[in-house]
C-alpha cells in the first residue's frame, strides 16, 4: 500500500503523531474477510511448509501498522522515525519517497539504546509482526545471547502483538514457545538462542520470500557466533539492537563503520543511531539527574547516553587514560630499552625502542623465516646495540624462543619474557602479562609517560582491548593471546611489544602537597614499589583517575 500525501519538509514529534491520526491506512482491517480457522500443529524445529491461506497485508511501515492495531500507543520521535525507515522511508520527513531494502542493498542497523528505552516492545516486536504480514513466506530470525531476554522480554511482546492482530484480522497467527506463524502469509517468526557456532549458521530465505535477521543485545553475542551468522545470506534486513557495550567486539566495530544519525540511512551500509534516556520521556528526569550525581562518568555515558565505554570492562588501560595528554614529570630514566613481540607468519613482529619516557623508533613486519627475522632486527637496531645499560625484553612464547636464540648468537643480551609466566608480585598478579599491563597503566596515570593517543589507531585499539580478569582468588590474570584473538579477531602484537618496552621504566611515588614543578620523589624498583603498595606502610597510592575529569598525582587510602 502506498501513502498518498504531500511531501513533508519537517517532522516534529507532534507532527508525526498528527500524521498517524490523519493518514492511517483504512483498508487492511475492514476489507479483508476473516479467514476460516483450521487446525494446525506447529513444530518449531521443522518449520512451516504449508502454502499461504491468503494475500499479504501490506502496511507501508511498522509505524502505520501500530497506528492501525495499537492506536493508543504514541511512539516517541526516535521510534516513529526508525519504524518509518524500516518501511523504506529513509527520510522520515518525506513520505512521498520510498526505497525498500533488497538482498543486494539490505538495511543494516547498529542501534545502541539506553537501558529501559523500549527497544523490545516498539522496534523488535513491531518490525517482526509487520515483516510477517507484509509478504508471503517471509522469515524473521531473532537471536540473543540470553535465553531469559528472549523468554521474558522479546517473545512476550511479539506474542501480545500477534494476539492483537488475531483480534482485529481473525486468527491468522499461530504461536508456540518462541515461534510464531502467520498462516495467511505463511511467514514465520523464530526466536532462538545458542552458544554453539555450528548451530547458528545456515539461515536463508524461503523460496519467494524475504528474510530479516535481528540480533537482540548484540553486545553480548560471542565472536565465533558472529562468524557463523555471517554465513547467512539472502537477508534484506540485518538489525543489531542492544544496550551499548565496551569498545571492542563486533557490535562496536559495526558502529565504527556506520553512517551516523542525523544523516539518513544508506542501504548496504550500517546505520548508527544512539538512543539516550533523554530521548525517552517515560524515564524520569529526576532519575537521570540522580544517576549523574551518584554514578561514574563511564556508567552514565553507557547507561544513560548509550555510548560505547570501558565501563564494566576489565581492561587495565582504558581509552580515557590512553587518550589523556599531560605534561609529564622530568624523566628519571634515560636508558634505551626495546620491547618486542615475535611471530612467524600471519601475525606481526612488532618492536618499540624508547629512550627514557619517549618512543624513538619502531618496526613492524611479517616474516615466516625466524632466521631472517633475527637479521632484520639486528640490522634495524644495531645502532643502539653497544649502548650501556641497554634493556631488551622480547616475547619468549612459541616461535619467539628460536628468534631470541639467533639474536643471542649475534651478540644481543636479551631478557626473555613470557606473558603467562608467574608474576614477580604474586600477591596481586597471577601472571607476568597482567603485571606489566598494570605497570603501564600506573605509568600513564602517574603522568610519568605519555601515550601516542589516537595517532596510532592500531596500537590504541589493541592496547585498550587487552583484558586482565581477577576471578582467580582476586589476582589479576592477563587473557591468553588466543582468547584475545577469538574475541577481537586481531592479535595484540603491537600492544604486547609496547608494554614490554615500558615494563622496565621505573615507577615513582609523588607526594601530594608539593608544587608540580618540584615534586618530591622516591625512586623504587617495580618489585619494591608493588610490595610496599600492597603490603607495606605506604599511606598513598597512585590514582587511576576519577570520574570528574580532574586528576591528582596520588590518592590517599
Protein backbone atom coordinates (compact mmCIF):
# COMPACT_ATOMS: atom_id res chain seq x y z
CA UNK A 1 0.00 0.00 0.00
CA UNK A 2 1.41 3.38 -0.94
CA UNK A 3 0.99 6.50 1.11
CA UNK A 4 -0.76 9.31 -0.75
CA UNK A 5 0.38 12.55 0.79
CA UNK A 6 2.05 15.82 0.07
CA UNK A 7 5.78 15.78 0.79
CA UNK A 8 6.65 16.96 4.27
CA UNK A 9 9.58 19.24 4.90
CA UNK A 10 9.70 18.89 8.67
CA UNK A 11 8.50 16.20 11.04
CA UNK A 12 8.46 17.05 14.72
CA UNK A 13 7.19 14.57 17.28
CA UNK A 14 3.79 16.29 17.32
CA UNK A 15 3.61 16.28 13.51
CA UNK A 16 4.37 12.57 13.37
CA UNK A 17 1.54 11.88 15.81
CA UNK A 18 -0.81 14.02 13.74
CA UNK A 19 0.38 12.21 10.63
CA UNK A 20 -0.69 8.90 12.13
CA UNK A 21 -4.13 10.22 13.06
CA UNK A 22 -4.83 11.62 9.59
CA UNK A 23 -3.04 9.06 7.36
CA UNK A 24 -3.82 5.77 9.00
CA UNK A 25 -4.32 3.01 6.39
CA UNK A 26 -8.00 2.29 6.14
CA UNK A 27 -8.44 -0.84 4.07
CA UNK A 28 -6.48 -3.82 5.51
CA UNK A 29 -8.55 -4.12 8.66
CA UNK A 30 -12.04 -3.77 7.18
CA UNK A 31 -11.84 -5.02 3.61
CA UNK A 32 -10.32 -8.45 4.27
CA UNK A 33 -12.69 -11.16 5.33
CA UNK A 34 -11.68 -13.15 8.35
CA UNK A 35 -10.18 -16.43 7.19
CA UNK A 36 -11.71 -19.70 8.28
CA UNK A 37 -9.76 -21.18 11.16
CA UNK A 38 -8.24 -24.58 10.53
CA UNK A 39 -6.38 -26.88 12.86
CA UNK A 40 -2.59 -26.57 12.51
CA UNK A 41 0.06 -28.33 14.52
CA UNK A 42 3.20 -26.20 14.72
CA UNK A 43 6.58 -27.86 15.04
CA UNK A 44 9.15 -25.19 15.76
CA UNK A 45 12.23 -27.15 14.74
CA UNK A 46 10.68 -28.39 11.47
CA UNK A 47 9.47 -25.00 10.25
CA UNK A 48 6.25 -24.22 8.39
CA UNK A 49 5.83 -25.73 4.93
CA UNK A 50 2.16 -25.04 4.14
CA UNK A 51 1.10 -22.60 1.44
CA UNK A 52 -0.35 -19.17 2.35
CA UNK A 53 -4.08 -19.00 3.14
CA UNK A 54 -4.47 -15.57 1.59
CA UNK A 55 -2.77 -12.39 0.46
CA UNK A 56 -0.17 -10.23 2.16
CA UNK A 57 -1.32 -7.34 4.35
CA UNK A 58 0.91 -4.52 3.18
CA UNK A 59 1.10 -1.78 5.78
CA UNK A 60 3.61 0.75 4.39
CA UNK A 61 5.73 0.59 7.55
CA UNK A 62 5.64 -0.82 11.08
CA UNK A 63 4.59 2.64 12.24
CA UNK A 64 1.48 2.52 10.05
CA UNK A 65 0.70 -0.95 11.40
CA UNK A 66 0.96 0.21 15.02
CA UNK A 67 -1.27 3.18 14.26
CA UNK A 68 -3.97 0.81 13.00
CA UNK A 69 -3.60 -2.00 15.53
CA UNK A 70 -2.49 -0.13 18.64
CA UNK A 71 -3.83 3.41 18.26
CA UNK A 72 -3.40 4.02 22.00
CA UNK A 73 0.38 3.91 21.57
CA UNK A 74 2.11 7.22 20.94
CA UNK A 75 5.62 6.42 19.67
CA UNK A 76 8.45 8.76 20.54
CA UNK A 77 10.18 10.65 17.77
CA UNK A 78 13.09 8.19 17.54
CA UNK A 79 10.69 5.24 17.48
CA UNK A 80 8.49 6.73 14.78
CA UNK A 81 11.41 7.72 12.59
CA UNK A 82 13.11 4.33 12.86
CA UNK A 83 9.89 2.41 12.12
CA UNK A 84 9.30 4.58 9.06
CA UNK A 85 12.86 3.92 7.90
CA UNK A 86 12.24 0.17 8.23
CA UNK A 87 9.41 0.66 5.73
CA UNK A 88 11.72 2.29 3.20
CA UNK A 89 11.03 5.91 4.12
CA UNK A 90 14.71 6.60 4.68
CA UNK A 91 13.94 10.29 5.06
CA UNK A 92 11.07 10.27 7.59
CA UNK A 93 10.21 13.86 6.70
CA UNK A 94 9.40 12.93 3.10
CA UNK A 95 6.74 10.23 2.83
CA UNK A 96 6.49 10.69 -0.93
CA UNK A 97 9.84 8.97 -1.44
CA UNK A 98 10.28 5.31 -0.59
CA UNK A 99 13.19 2.93 -1.23
CA UNK A 100 12.76 -0.62 0.03
CA UNK A 101 15.75 -2.72 1.09
CA UNK A 102 16.76 -5.69 -1.06
CA UNK A 103 19.16 -8.59 -0.71
CA UNK A 104 21.70 -6.59 -2.74
CA UNK A 105 21.16 -3.43 -0.67
CA UNK A 106 19.93 -4.52 2.76
CA UNK A 107 19.04 -2.31 5.70
CA UNK A 108 21.97 -2.69 8.14
CA UNK A 109 21.31 -1.22 11.57
CA UNK A 110 23.57 -0.68 14.59
CA UNK A 111 21.29 0.59 17.34
CA UNK A 112 22.74 1.19 20.85
CA UNK A 113 19.91 2.28 23.14
CA UNK A 114 19.75 3.30 26.78
CA UNK A 115 18.53 0.79 29.34
CA UNK A 116 14.74 0.80 29.55
CA UNK A 117 14.21 2.65 26.27
CA UNK A 118 11.62 0.19 24.96
CA UNK A 119 13.53 -1.33 22.06
CA UNK A 120 11.94 -4.81 22.50
CA UNK A 121 8.36 -3.53 22.70
CA UNK A 122 8.41 -0.99 19.90
CA UNK A 123 11.24 -1.76 17.48
CA UNK A 124 11.70 -5.53 17.54
CA UNK A 125 8.11 -6.69 18.10
CA UNK A 126 6.56 -4.17 15.71
CA UNK A 127 9.09 -4.89 12.96
CA UNK A 128 8.81 -8.68 13.29
CA UNK A 129 4.99 -8.75 13.07
CA UNK A 130 4.94 -6.20 10.24
CA UNK A 131 7.52 -8.20 8.28
CA UNK A 132 5.48 -11.39 8.72
CA UNK A 133 2.34 -9.66 7.42
CA UNK A 134 3.77 -7.72 4.50
CA UNK A 135 4.90 -10.60 2.29
CA UNK A 136 4.37 -14.27 1.53
CA UNK A 137 6.75 -16.82 3.04
CA UNK A 138 8.83 -14.21 4.83
CA UNK A 139 11.13 -15.36 7.61
CA UNK A 140 12.23 -13.39 10.70
CA UNK A 141 15.08 -14.83 12.77
CA UNK A 142 15.68 -13.26 16.20
CA UNK A 143 18.52 -14.26 18.48
CA UNK A 144 20.17 -13.09 21.68
CA UNK A 145 22.95 -14.25 23.96
CA UNK A 146 20.40 -14.59 26.79
CA UNK A 147 17.54 -17.08 26.84
CA UNK A 148 15.98 -15.05 29.67
CA UNK A 149 15.97 -11.97 27.42
CA UNK A 150 14.10 -13.92 24.73
CA UNK A 151 11.72 -15.64 27.16
CA UNK A 152 10.73 -12.74 29.38
CA UNK A 153 11.01 -9.68 27.12
CA UNK A 154 11.27 -10.15 23.36
CA UNK A 155 8.88 -13.09 22.86
CA UNK A 156 6.06 -11.80 25.13
CA UNK A 157 5.91 -8.50 23.20
CA UNK A 158 5.74 -10.34 19.88
CA UNK A 159 3.09 -12.75 21.19
CA UNK A 160 0.97 -9.87 22.53
CA UNK A 161 1.10 -8.06 19.19
CA UNK A 162 0.20 -11.29 17.35
CA UNK A 163 -2.83 -11.59 19.63
CA UNK A 164 -3.88 -8.05 18.73
CA UNK A 165 -3.64 -8.98 15.03
CA UNK A 166 -5.79 -12.05 15.67
CA UNK A 167 -8.49 -9.96 17.35
CA UNK A 168 -8.58 -7.44 14.50
CA UNK A 169 -7.95 -9.64 11.46
CA UNK A 170 -9.08 -13.07 12.56
CA UNK A 171 -6.95 -15.90 13.86
CA UNK A 172 -4.15 -15.71 11.34
CA UNK A 173 -1.25 -16.10 13.81
CA UNK A 174 -0.45 -19.42 15.49
CA UNK A 175 2.14 -19.50 18.26
CA UNK A 176 4.12 -21.97 20.32
CA UNK A 177 7.07 -21.21 22.55
CA UNK A 178 9.36 -18.70 20.78
CA UNK A 179 7.80 -19.47 17.40
CA UNK A 180 5.00 -17.67 15.54
CA UNK A 181 3.45 -18.36 12.13
CA UNK A 182 1.12 -16.15 10.13
CA UNK A 183 -0.99 -18.73 8.27
CA UNK A 184 -2.42 -16.12 5.88
CA UNK A 185 1.06 -15.28 4.52
CA UNK A 186 2.89 -18.48 5.57
CA UNK A 187 5.52 -16.25 7.19
CA UNK A 188 7.49 -17.28 10.27
CA UNK A 189 8.99 -15.53 13.31
CA UNK A 190 11.55 -17.71 15.06
CA UNK A 191 13.37 -16.76 18.27
CA UNK A 192 16.47 -18.76 19.02
CA UNK A 193 19.37 -18.83 21.48
CA UNK A 194 22.54 -20.89 21.11
CA UNK A 195 26.16 -20.75 22.20
CA UNK A 196 27.30 -23.23 19.53
CA UNK A 197 28.57 -21.69 16.30
CA UNK A 198 27.70 -24.84 14.35
CA UNK A 199 24.00 -24.40 15.15
CA UNK A 200 23.95 -20.69 14.28
CA UNK A 201 24.78 -20.83 10.58
CA UNK A 202 22.71 -21.75 7.57
CA UNK A 203 19.67 -19.46 7.69
CA UNK A 204 18.44 -18.44 4.24
CA UNK A 205 15.15 -17.05 2.90
CA UNK A 206 12.41 -19.39 1.77
CA UNK A 207 11.67 -19.54 -1.94
CA UNK A 208 9.71 -16.45 -2.92
CA UNK A 209 10.07 -14.77 0.48
CA UNK A 210 12.31 -12.28 2.23
CA UNK A 211 14.45 -12.77 5.34
CA UNK A 212 15.26 -10.47 8.26
CA UNK A 213 17.88 -11.18 10.94
CA UNK A 214 17.58 -9.43 14.32
CA UNK A 215 20.31 -9.61 16.95
CA UNK A 216 18.99 -8.52 20.34
CA UNK A 217 21.56 -7.49 22.97
CA UNK A 218 24.15 -7.73 20.21
CA UNK A 219 26.93 -6.57 22.53
CA UNK A 220 26.90 -9.94 24.34
CA UNK A 221 26.97 -12.28 21.34
CA UNK A 222 30.26 -14.18 21.09
CA UNK A 223 32.59 -13.51 18.18
CA UNK A 224 32.51 -17.11 16.92
CA UNK A 225 28.72 -16.82 16.65
CA UNK A 226 29.07 -13.64 14.60
CA UNK A 227 31.35 -15.55 12.23
CA UNK A 228 28.65 -18.22 11.90
CA UNK A 229 25.87 -15.68 11.33
CA UNK A 230 27.94 -14.00 8.61
CA UNK A 231 27.41 -17.18 6.56
CA UNK A 232 23.68 -16.49 6.40
CA UNK A 233 22.84 -14.94 3.03
CA UNK A 234 19.80 -13.56 1.29
CA UNK A 235 18.65 -11.19 4.03
CA UNK A 236 17.15 -7.77 3.31
CA UNK A 237 17.35 -6.61 6.96
CA UNK A 238 20.24 -7.11 9.40
CA UNK A 239 19.38 -5.36 12.68
CA UNK A 240 21.81 -5.21 15.62
CA UNK A 241 19.97 -3.75 18.62
CA UNK A 242 21.40 -3.56 22.13
CA UNK A 243 22.31 -1.52 25.14
CA UNK A 244 25.86 -0.31 24.47
CA UNK A 245 28.86 -2.38 25.44
CA UNK A 246 32.59 -1.95 25.54
CA UNK A 247 34.87 -0.59 22.88
CA UNK A 248 35.68 -3.91 21.26
CA UNK A 249 33.86 -6.71 19.52
CA UNK A 250 31.52 -6.99 16.56
CA UNK A 251 28.81 -4.59 17.78
CA UNK A 252 31.37 -1.84 18.42
CA UNK A 253 33.09 -2.49 15.07
CA UNK A 254 29.72 -2.16 13.32
CA UNK A 255 29.26 1.29 14.83
CA UNK A 256 32.68 2.47 13.65
CA UNK A 257 31.85 1.69 10.02
CA UNK A 258 28.37 3.25 10.08
CA UNK A 259 26.59 6.26 8.67
CA UNK A 260 25.58 8.19 11.79
CA UNK A 261 22.31 9.86 12.72
CA UNK A 262 21.17 12.58 11.94
CA UNK A 263 22.35 11.59 8.46
CA UNK A 264 19.86 9.45 6.55
CA UNK A 265 20.45 5.70 6.16
CA UNK A 266 22.26 4.42 3.09
CA UNK A 267 21.13 0.92 2.12
CA UNK A 268 24.01 -1.52 2.07
CA UNK A 269 25.89 0.37 4.80
CA UNK A 270 25.49 0.26 8.57
CA UNK A 271 23.33 2.98 10.06
CA UNK A 272 24.09 4.08 13.63
CA UNK A 273 21.69 5.82 15.97
CA UNK A 274 22.23 6.25 19.71
CA UNK A 275 19.04 6.49 21.77
CA UNK A 276 19.63 8.17 25.12
CA UNK A 277 17.50 8.21 28.24
CA UNK A 278 16.80 11.87 27.44
CA UNK A 279 15.01 10.66 24.27
CA UNK A 280 12.59 8.57 26.35
CA UNK A 281 10.02 10.69 28.24
CA UNK A 282 8.93 7.70 30.36
CA UNK A 283 12.35 7.73 32.07
CA UNK A 284 12.05 10.39 34.81
CA UNK A 285 14.41 13.35 34.59
CA UNK A 286 14.92 13.06 38.35
CA UNK A 287 16.25 9.52 37.88
CA UNK A 288 18.68 10.70 35.22
CA UNK A 289 19.89 13.56 37.44
CA UNK A 290 20.32 11.23 40.41
CA UNK A 291 22.40 8.71 38.47
CA UNK A 292 24.53 11.50 37.04
CA UNK A 293 25.40 12.63 40.56
CA UNK A 294 25.91 9.17 42.07
CA UNK A 295 27.43 7.03 39.32
CA UNK A 296 30.72 7.17 37.49
CA UNK A 297 31.05 9.07 34.23
CA UNK A 298 31.62 5.84 32.29
CA UNK A 299 28.49 4.27 33.83
CA UNK A 300 26.44 7.36 32.99
CA UNK A 301 27.77 7.53 29.43
CA UNK A 302 26.90 3.87 28.88
CA UNK A 303 23.56 3.53 30.67
CA UNK A 304 22.07 6.97 30.01
CA UNK A 305 23.80 8.36 26.91
CA UNK A 306 24.03 4.95 25.15
CA UNK A 307 27.70 5.45 24.33
CA UNK A 308 30.29 2.72 23.98
CA UNK A 309 32.59 2.95 27.01
CA UNK A 310 35.05 0.92 29.05
CA UNK A 311 32.53 0.64 31.91
CA UNK A 312 32.45 -2.88 33.30
CA UNK A 313 35.43 -3.89 31.18
CA UNK A 314 38.43 -5.41 32.93
CA UNK A 315 40.96 -3.77 30.65
CA UNK A 316 43.88 -2.26 32.62
CA UNK A 317 44.30 0.55 30.10
CA UNK A 318 41.10 2.46 29.43
CA UNK A 319 40.63 4.59 26.34
CA UNK A 320 40.16 7.66 28.51
CA UNK A 321 43.53 7.02 30.15
CA UNK A 322 45.28 6.23 26.88
CA UNK A 323 43.94 9.38 25.18
CA UNK A 324 44.85 11.72 28.05
CA UNK A 325 47.68 14.12 27.29
CA UNK A 326 49.54 15.75 30.18
CA UNK A 327 52.81 17.48 30.84
CA UNK A 328 54.83 14.63 32.25
CA UNK A 329 57.35 14.87 35.06
CA UNK A 330 61.04 15.21 34.26
CA UNK A 331 62.34 11.78 33.25
CA UNK A 332 64.29 9.83 35.82
CA UNK A 333 65.48 7.17 33.40
CA UNK A 334 67.34 7.96 30.18
CA UNK A 335 68.29 4.42 29.21
CA UNK A 336 67.46 2.82 25.89
CA UNK A 337 65.01 -0.08 26.02
CA UNK A 338 63.50 -2.33 23.36
CA UNK A 339 60.30 -4.34 23.70
CA UNK A 340 59.25 -6.85 21.09
CA UNK A 341 56.51 -9.35 20.28
CA UNK A 342 57.69 -12.12 17.96
CA UNK A 343 55.84 -14.16 15.35
CA UNK A 344 56.44 -16.27 12.28
CA UNK A 345 53.86 -15.99 9.52
CA UNK A 346 50.43 -14.43 9.86
CA UNK A 347 50.93 -12.21 12.94
CA UNK A 348 53.20 -9.19 13.07
CA UNK A 349 56.65 -8.99 14.55
CA UNK A 350 56.49 -5.71 16.45
CA UNK A 351 59.27 -3.75 18.17
CA UNK A 352 59.40 -0.43 20.03
CA UNK A 353 62.57 1.40 21.07
CA UNK A 354 62.40 4.08 23.75
CA UNK A 355 64.89 6.41 25.33
CA UNK A 356 63.68 7.31 28.77
CA UNK A 357 59.93 8.01 28.56
CA UNK A 358 59.85 8.62 24.78
CA UNK A 359 59.48 6.21 21.86
CA UNK A 360 62.24 6.96 19.36
CA UNK A 361 61.87 4.09 16.87
CA UNK A 362 59.58 1.22 15.97
CA UNK A 363 59.40 -1.64 13.48
CA UNK A 364 56.51 -3.87 12.34
CA UNK A 365 56.66 -6.58 9.70
CA UNK A 366 55.62 -10.14 8.84
CA UNK A 367 58.17 -12.87 8.17
CA UNK A 368 57.91 -16.65 8.24
CA UNK A 369 61.64 -17.34 8.45
CA UNK A 370 62.84 -16.91 12.06
CA UNK A 371 66.45 -16.52 10.94
CA UNK A 372 65.51 -13.64 8.64
CA UNK A 373 63.51 -12.04 11.46
CA UNK A 374 66.61 -12.03 13.67
CA UNK A 375 68.66 -10.47 10.85
CA UNK A 376 66.07 -7.73 10.27
CA UNK A 377 66.04 -6.89 13.99
CA UNK A 378 69.85 -6.80 14.15
CA UNK A 379 70.09 -4.52 11.12
CA UNK A 380 67.37 -2.14 12.32
CA UNK A 381 68.54 -1.65 15.91
CA UNK A 382 72.28 -2.20 15.52
CA UNK A 383 72.92 1.49 16.26
CA UNK A 384 71.92 1.02 19.93
CA UNK A 385 73.45 -2.43 20.40
CA UNK A 386 76.52 -1.05 22.18
CA UNK A 387 74.61 1.43 24.37
CA UNK A 388 75.45 0.98 28.06
CA UNK A 389 72.59 -0.37 30.21
CA UNK A 390 70.51 -1.21 27.14
CA UNK A 391 67.45 -3.29 28.09
CA UNK A 392 65.97 -5.68 25.52
CA UNK A 393 62.84 -7.59 26.55
CA UNK A 394 61.32 -9.92 23.96
CA UNK A 395 58.40 -12.34 23.97
CA UNK A 396 59.71 -15.84 24.61
CA UNK A 397 56.48 -17.68 23.78
CA UNK A 398 56.12 -20.04 20.81
CA UNK A 399 58.40 -19.19 17.89
CA UNK A 400 59.93 -16.33 19.88
CA UNK A 401 62.29 -18.77 21.55
CA UNK A 402 64.05 -19.63 18.27
CA UNK A 403 64.32 -15.99 17.22
CA UNK A 404 65.84 -15.00 20.56
CA UNK A 405 68.35 -17.86 20.28
CA UNK A 406 69.51 -16.44 16.93
CA UNK A 407 69.80 -12.92 18.39
CA UNK A 408 71.88 -14.19 21.30
CA UNK A 409 74.27 -15.76 18.79
CA UNK A 410 74.54 -12.31 17.17
CA UNK A 411 75.69 -10.81 20.46
CA UNK A 412 72.47 -9.39 21.83
CA UNK A 413 71.74 -9.58 25.54
CA UNK A 414 68.07 -10.50 25.79
CA UNK A 415 65.69 -10.72 28.74
CA UNK A 416 63.20 -13.46 27.87
CA UNK A 417 59.63 -12.62 28.96
CA UNK A 418 56.52 -14.78 28.77
CA UNK A 419 53.12 -13.18 29.46
CA UNK A 420 51.70 -16.32 31.03
CA UNK A 421 54.72 -16.90 33.30
CA UNK A 422 54.39 -16.35 37.05
CA UNK A 423 54.29 -12.71 38.17
CA UNK A 424 57.02 -11.12 40.27
CA UNK A 425 54.36 -9.70 42.59
CA UNK A 426 52.48 -12.93 43.24
CA UNK A 427 50.17 -11.39 45.83
CA UNK A 428 48.45 -9.15 43.26
CA UNK A 429 49.02 -10.80 39.89
CA UNK A 430 48.65 -14.32 38.57
CA UNK A 431 50.88 -13.85 35.53
CA UNK A 432 53.59 -11.55 34.23
CA UNK A 433 51.43 -10.15 31.43
CA UNK A 434 48.84 -8.67 33.80
CA UNK A 435 51.64 -7.26 35.97
CA UNK A 436 53.21 -5.45 33.02
CA UNK A 437 49.91 -4.06 31.70
CA UNK A 438 49.04 -2.62 35.11
CA UNK A 439 52.57 -1.25 35.33
CA UNK A 440 51.98 0.68 32.11
CA UNK A 441 48.61 1.86 33.41
CA UNK A 442 50.27 3.25 36.54
CA UNK A 443 52.94 4.99 34.48
CA UNK A 444 50.22 6.74 32.45
CA UNK A 445 48.08 7.59 35.48
CA UNK A 446 51.11 8.92 37.35
CA UNK A 447 51.99 11.22 34.43
CA UNK A 448 55.40 9.61 34.06
CA UNK A 449 54.92 8.90 30.35
CA UNK A 450 52.56 9.92 27.54
CA UNK A 451 50.94 7.55 25.08
CA UNK A 452 50.73 8.10 21.30
CA UNK A 453 46.98 8.57 21.84
CA UNK A 454 44.91 8.41 18.67
CA UNK A 455 47.92 8.85 16.35
CA UNK A 456 48.42 5.08 16.15
CA UNK A 457 44.89 3.71 15.80
CA UNK A 458 46.01 0.09 15.55
CA UNK A 459 48.06 0.23 18.75
CA UNK A 460 45.28 2.12 20.52
CA UNK A 461 42.67 -0.48 19.62
CA UNK A 462 44.88 -3.39 20.67
CA UNK A 463 46.14 -1.99 23.95
CA UNK A 464 42.77 -0.75 25.23
CA UNK A 465 41.06 -4.06 24.43
CA UNK A 466 43.53 -6.24 26.36
CA UNK A 467 41.68 -7.81 29.32
CA UNK A 468 43.01 -8.84 32.72
CA UNK A 469 40.41 -10.52 34.93
CA UNK A 470 40.68 -11.11 38.68
CA UNK A 471 38.50 -14.19 39.02
CA UNK A 472 41.29 -16.39 40.34
CA UNK A 473 41.46 -15.65 44.05
CA UNK A 474 41.46 -11.89 43.46
CA UNK A 475 44.68 -11.98 41.45
CA UNK A 476 44.79 -10.40 38.02
CA UNK A 477 45.42 -12.67 35.04
CA UNK A 478 46.09 -11.41 31.52
CA UNK A 479 43.82 -13.04 28.97
CA UNK A 480 45.75 -15.58 26.84
CA UNK A 481 46.54 -14.29 23.37
CA UNK A 482 44.49 -17.00 21.64
CA UNK A 483 41.41 -15.96 23.65
CA UNK A 484 42.02 -12.31 22.79
CA UNK A 485 42.23 -13.18 19.09
CA UNK A 486 38.99 -15.20 19.31
CA UNK A 487 37.26 -12.24 20.98
CA UNK A 488 38.57 -9.36 18.86
CA UNK A 489 39.71 -11.20 15.71
CA UNK A 490 43.07 -9.45 15.92
CA UNK A 491 46.38 -10.41 17.51
CA UNK A 492 47.62 -7.79 20.04
CA UNK A 493 51.20 -7.83 18.71
CA UNK A 494 51.87 -4.09 18.90
CA UNK A 495 50.23 -3.78 22.31
CA UNK A 496 52.35 -6.53 23.84
CA UNK A 497 55.51 -5.08 22.31
CA UNK A 498 54.72 -1.59 23.63
CA UNK A 499 54.04 -2.93 27.12
CA UNK A 500 57.32 -4.88 27.10
CA UNK A 501 59.15 -1.73 26.07
CA UNK A 502 57.91 0.17 29.15
CA UNK A 503 57.98 -2.73 31.58
CA UNK A 504 61.47 -1.66 32.69
CA UNK A 505 60.60 2.02 33.19
CA UNK A 506 60.64 2.80 36.95
CA UNK A 507 57.56 3.87 38.87
CA UNK A 508 57.92 6.99 41.01
CA UNK A 509 55.85 7.82 44.11
CA UNK A 510 54.99 11.54 44.09
CA UNK A 511 53.70 13.02 47.28
CA UNK A 512 50.75 15.42 47.31
CA UNK A 513 51.10 18.94 48.60
CA UNK A 514 54.20 19.79 46.58
CA UNK A 515 54.33 22.01 43.56
CA UNK A 516 54.16 20.23 40.25
CA UNK A 517 57.42 21.77 39.06
CA UNK A 518 59.30 20.48 42.12
CA UNK A 519 57.73 17.18 43.13
CA UNK A 520 59.16 15.11 45.92
CA UNK A 521 60.15 11.74 44.52
CA UNK A 522 61.11 8.42 45.95
CA UNK A 523 62.64 6.02 43.45
CA UNK A 524 61.83 2.33 43.87
CA UNK A 525 62.17 -0.71 41.70
CA UNK A 526 58.97 -2.19 40.34
CA UNK A 527 59.12 -5.07 42.81
CA UNK A 528 59.83 -2.78 45.81
CA UNK A 529 57.02 -0.40 44.81
CA UNK A 530 54.41 -3.10 44.39
CA UNK A 531 55.50 -4.84 47.61
CA UNK A 532 55.08 -1.63 49.63
CA UNK A 533 51.93 -0.59 47.79
CA UNK A 534 50.21 -3.89 48.54
CA UNK A 535 51.59 -4.87 51.94
CA UNK A 536 53.83 -2.10 53.22
CA UNK A 537 53.30 1.13 55.14
CA UNK A 538 52.72 3.50 52.24
CA UNK A 539 49.91 5.93 53.04
CA UNK A 540 49.37 6.88 49.43
CA UNK A 541 48.62 5.15 46.18
CA UNK A 542 48.85 6.20 42.54
CA UNK A 543 45.45 7.40 41.30
CA UNK A 544 43.80 5.70 38.36
CA UNK A 545 41.87 8.93 37.77
CA UNK A 546 38.41 9.85 38.94
CA UNK A 547 35.16 10.42 37.13
CA UNK A 548 35.06 14.20 37.34
CA UNK A 549 37.77 14.79 34.76
CA UNK A 550 40.12 16.08 37.49
CA UNK A 551 43.39 14.33 38.23
CA UNK A 552 45.65 14.26 41.25
CA UNK A 553 49.19 12.96 41.49
CA UNK A 554 48.10 10.31 44.01
CA UNK A 555 45.06 9.36 46.02
CA UNK A 556 45.02 8.79 49.77
CA UNK A 557 43.97 5.36 51.02
